[in-house]
Amino acid sequence: MAGYKVLGVAAATGKIGYALLEGERLIDWGLSKVASKSPAQASAKTSYWIDLLNPEAFVSERLTKGMRKHGLTIKLLAAIAKAAEDGPVINVTVPR
């Protein structure tokens, strides 16, 4: 029996990346530099990946005090989480 399909999305300076796992197997992964330009673009790309890859669960980084990320990256993480929250998937945020 196959495992759940889980999509993870992360943001860093200048790029947003995703990994799609089914059980313990990596199915697909990728990066977008364009999506890291603004929260709106990060949200749109996240929604696109969710629609395209059809995961059952979504994982992103939880915004916490003292995190090393700052500025635009924090806004991107918030936009990513919001896009998943609005989507048809189980949404989980985890500390780094």
C-alpha atoms as a PDB file:
ATOM      1  CA  MET A   1       0.000   0.000   0.000  1.00  0.00           C
ATOM      2  CA  ALA A   2       1.357   3.417  -0.958  1.00  0.00           C
ATOM      3  CA  GLY A   3       1.820   6.137   1.634  1.00  0.00           C
ATOM      4  CA  TYR A   4       0.264   9.559   1.742  1.00  0.00           C
ATOM      5  CA  LYS A   5       1.336  12.192  -0.765  1.00  0.00           C
ATOM      6  CA  VAL A   6       2.912  15.056   1.168  1.00  0.00           C
ATOM      7  CA  LEU A   7       4.029  18.344  -0.381  1.00  0.00           C
ATOM      8  CA  GLY A   8       6.596  20.407   1.489  1.00  0.00           C
ATOM      9  CA  VAL A   9       7.398  23.985   0.499  1.00  0.00           C
ATOM     10  CA  ALA A  10      10.230  26.122   1.890  1.00  0.00           C
ATOM     11  CA  ALA A  11      11.432  29.666   1.283  1.00  0.00           C
ATOM     12  CA  ALA A  12      14.952  31.038   1.359  1.00  0.00           C
ATOM     13  CA  THR A  13      16.555  34.174   0.012  1.00  0.00           C
ATOM     14  CA  GLY A  14      15.965  34.252  -3.725  1.00  0.00           C
ATOM     15  CA  LYS A  15      14.114  30.952  -4.095  1.00  0.00           C
ATOM     16  CA  ILE A  16      11.175  28.827  -3.052  1.00  0.00           C
ATOM     17  CA  GLY A  17      11.404  25.073  -3.323  1.00  0.00           C
ATOM     18  CA  TYR A  18       9.114  22.102  -3.016  1.00  0.00           C
ATOM     19  CA  ALA A  19       9.419  18.363  -2.496  1.00  0.00           C
ATOM     20  CA  LEU A  20       6.647  15.843  -3.055  1.00  0.00           C
ATOM     21  CA  LEU A  21       6.878  12.570  -1.162  1.00  0.00           C
ATOM     22  CA  GLU A  22       4.696   9.508  -1.307  1.00  0.00           C
ATOM     23  CA  GLY A  23       5.387   7.492   1.792  1.00  0.00           C
ATOM     24  CA  GLU A  24       9.176   7.583   2.059  1.00  0.00           C
ATOM     25  CA  ARG A  25       9.761   7.986  -1.687  1.00  0.00           C
ATOM     26  CA  LEU A  26      10.621  11.311  -3.333  1.00  0.00           C
ATOM     27  CA  ILE A  27       8.266  11.731  -6.290  1.00  0.00           C
ATOM     28  CA  ASP A  28       9.128  15.237  -7.517  1.00  0.00           C
ATOM     29  CA  TRP A  29      10.953  18.388  -6.469  1.00  0.00           C
ATOM     30  CA  GLY A  30      11.688  21.812  -7.868  1.00  0.00           C
ATOM     31  CA  LEU A  31      12.621  25.453  -7.309  1.00  0.00           C
ATOM     32  CA  SER A  32      11.220  28.792  -8.377  1.00  0.00           C
ATOM     33  CA  LYS A  33      13.159  32.028  -8.289  1.00  0.00           C
ATOM     34  CA  VAL A  34      10.210  34.018  -9.666  1.00  0.00           C
ATOM     35  CA  ALA A  35       7.968  32.902  -6.768  1.00  0.00           C
ATOM     36  CA  SER A  36      10.404  34.450  -4.293  1.00  0.00           C
ATOM     37  CA  LYS A  37       9.936  37.959  -5.707  1.00  0.00           C
ATOM     38  CA  SER A  38       6.745  38.748  -3.748  1.00  0.00           C
ATOM     39  CA  PRO A  39       4.205  37.214  -1.366  1.00  0.00           C
ATOM     40  CA  ALA A  40       1.596  37.284  -4.163  1.00  0.00           C
ATOM     41  CA  GLN A  41       3.862  35.276  -6.452  1.00  0.00           C
ATOM     42  CA  ALA A  42       4.731  32.852  -3.622  1.00  0.00           C
ATOM     43  CA  SER A  43       1.048  32.320  -2.918  1.00  0.00           C
ATOM     44  CA  ALA A  44       0.216  31.789  -6.594  1.00  0.00           C
ATOM     45  CA  LYS A  45       3.048  29.293  -7.090  1.00  0.00           C
ATOM     46  CA  THR A  46       2.098  27.394  -3.932  1.00  0.00           C
ATOM     47  CA  SER A  47      -1.520  27.153  -5.107  1.00  0.00           C
ATOM     48  CA  TYR A  48      -0.283  26.006  -8.522  1.00  0.00           C
ATOM     49  CA  TRP A  49       1.877  23.253  -6.980  1.00  0.00           C
ATOM     50  CA  ILE A  50      -1.023  22.098  -4.783  1.00  0.00           C
ATOM     51  CA  ASP A  51      -3.375  21.928  -7.785  1.00  0.00           C
ATOM     52  CA  LEU A  52      -0.799  20.263 -10.046  1.00  0.00           C
ATOM     53  CA  LEU A  53       0.617  17.708  -7.601  1.00  0.00           C
ATOM     54  CA  ASN A  54      -2.604  16.970  -5.683  1.00  0.00           C
ATOM     55  CA  PRO A  55      -1.066  16.180  -2.271  1.00  0.00           C
ATOM     56  CA  GLU A  56      -3.084  14.917   0.667  1.00  0.00           C
ATOM     57  CA  ALA A  57      -1.047  16.968   3.145  1.00  0.00           C
ATOM     58  CA  PHE A  58       1.043  20.135   2.975  1.00  0.00           C
ATOM     59  CA  VAL A  59       3.982  21.068   5.214  1.00  0.00           C
ATOM     60  CA  SER A  60       5.672  24.455   5.584  1.00  0.00           C
ATOM     61  CA  GLU A  61       7.841  26.235   8.129  1.00  0.00           C
ATOM     62  CA  ARG A  62       6.121  27.754  11.160  1.00  0.00           C
ATOM     63  CA  LEU A  63       6.879  31.404  11.844  1.00  0.00           C
ATOM     64  CA  THR A  64       8.442  31.604  15.308  1.00  0.00           C
ATOM     65  CA  LYS A  65      10.169  34.229  17.411  1.00  0.00           C
ATOM     66  CA  GLY A  66      13.917  34.108  17.084  1.00  0.00           C
ATOM     67  CA  MET A  67      13.887  32.500  13.651  1.00  0.00           C
ATOM     68  CA  ARG A  68      16.900  33.345  11.527  1.00  0.00           C
ATOM     69  CA  LYS A  69      14.819  34.333   8.510  1.00  0.00           C
ATOM     70  CA  HIS A  70      13.751  37.941   8.155  1.00  0.00           C
ATOM     71  CA  GLY A  71      12.228  40.553   5.887  1.00  0.00           C
ATOM     72  CA  LEU A  72      10.747  39.309   2.638  1.00  0.00           C
ATOM     73  CA  THR A  73      11.380  35.649   3.471  1.00  0.00           C
ATOM     74  CA  ILE A  74       9.034  35.848   6.478  1.00  0.00           C
ATOM     75  CA  LYS A  75       6.361  37.421   4.271  1.00  0.00           C
ATOM     76  CA  LEU A  76       6.867  34.638   1.713  1.00  0.00           C
ATOM     77  CA  LEU A  77       6.485  31.952   4.395  1.00  0.00           C
ATOM     78  CA  ALA A  78       3.261  33.577   5.594  1.00  0.00           C
ATOM     79  CA  ALA A  79       1.908  33.694   2.019  1.00  0.00           C
ATOM     80  CA  ILE A  80       2.843  30.039   1.448  1.00  0.00           C
ATOM     81  CA  ALA A  81       1.061  28.946   4.637  1.00  0.00           C
ATOM     82  CA  LYS A  82      -2.008  31.032   3.785  1.00  0.00           C
ATOM     83  CA  ALA A  83      -2.247  29.555   0.276  1.00  0.00           C
ATOM     84  CA  ALA A  84      -2.161  26.050   1.720  1.00  0.00           C
ATOM     85  CA  GLU A  85      -4.654  26.984   4.427  1.00  0.00           C
ATOM     86  CA  ASP A  86      -7.068  28.073   1.706  1.00  0.00           C
ATOM     87  CA  GLY A  87      -6.452  24.888  -0.303  1.00  0.00           C
ATOM     88  CA  PRO A  88      -8.000  21.423  -0.221  1.00  0.00           C
ATOM     89  CA  VAL A  89      -5.185  19.797   1.801  1.00  0.00           C
ATOM     90  CA  ILE A  90      -4.323  19.036   5.386  1.00  0.00           C
ATOM     91  CA  ASN A  91      -2.063  21.965   6.299  1.00  0.00           C
ATOM     92  CA  VAL A  92       0.754  21.525   8.820  1.00  0.00           C
ATOM     93  CA  THR A  93       3.372  24.053   9.883  1.00  0.00           C
ATOM     94  CA  VAL A  94       6.472  22.851  11.690  1.00  0.00           C
ATOM     95  CA  PRO A  95       9.404  24.643  13.311  1.00  0.00           C
ATOM     96  CA  ARG A  96      12.617  24.535  11.344  1.00  0.00           C
END
